[in-house]
């Protein structure tokens, strides 16, 4: 991780010759166990559309990861180097950043027999409207394989709750890989392992937390039962 930050810092140099880098503690500032990212998948005349959303905190982490976090820059003002105290929300900074399109199209991939070319539609504020990606598969397709791995390069614990046509749902985690989604008919996916809907995906995401809470509760009960009573 530190080697990665060293390379990233070395690559980020402003046109004015002022070198800046992101904090190496970015991963520690991330919130991978908070509200999951979301992805809404729908069919289009050319292939499919994915609307990706993330919480404000995670958008801030992504902005810093991509080097567009204004608060981490050092700028020249009146001949002196001073921190840039911009208060623009990360969703606005990301919307203007050319890095966002490249990042999302690297971490979100669609294949229907062949890879589908993706385009990030213009947006003014990623937090308010999400990031909309259109994938051209050469026309309508009955099904497509979709891989979503956003922010798992920052922290492998990040996950995305995806939903699609016909009540399909999937919880993407770091090692999920590509998942096949039906786009025109519900039986377009053989097996339909993720066709039980977004509710099952939510259960996948929440199951670990519920299990941990149950274990804690059991542990407290055991401790209480083992406490000696007065007079013994």
Foldseek 3Di string as FASTA:
>chain_A
DVVVQVVQQVVAADPVRRGFGFDPCLLVQADQLPDAKEWEWAWDFFEIKIFIADAQSNLLSVCRVLPQNQQRDWDADPNDTDRRPDPDRSQQSLLPDPVNFVQFPVQKWKADVHTWDKDWDRDRGCNVRGIMIDTGPRGTDQKMWIGHAPPCVSPQSHWYWYWYPQQFIAIGGNPPGIDMDGHPDPPPDPPSPRNPHSVVRVCVSCVVVVVVVVVVVVVVVVVVVPDDDPPD
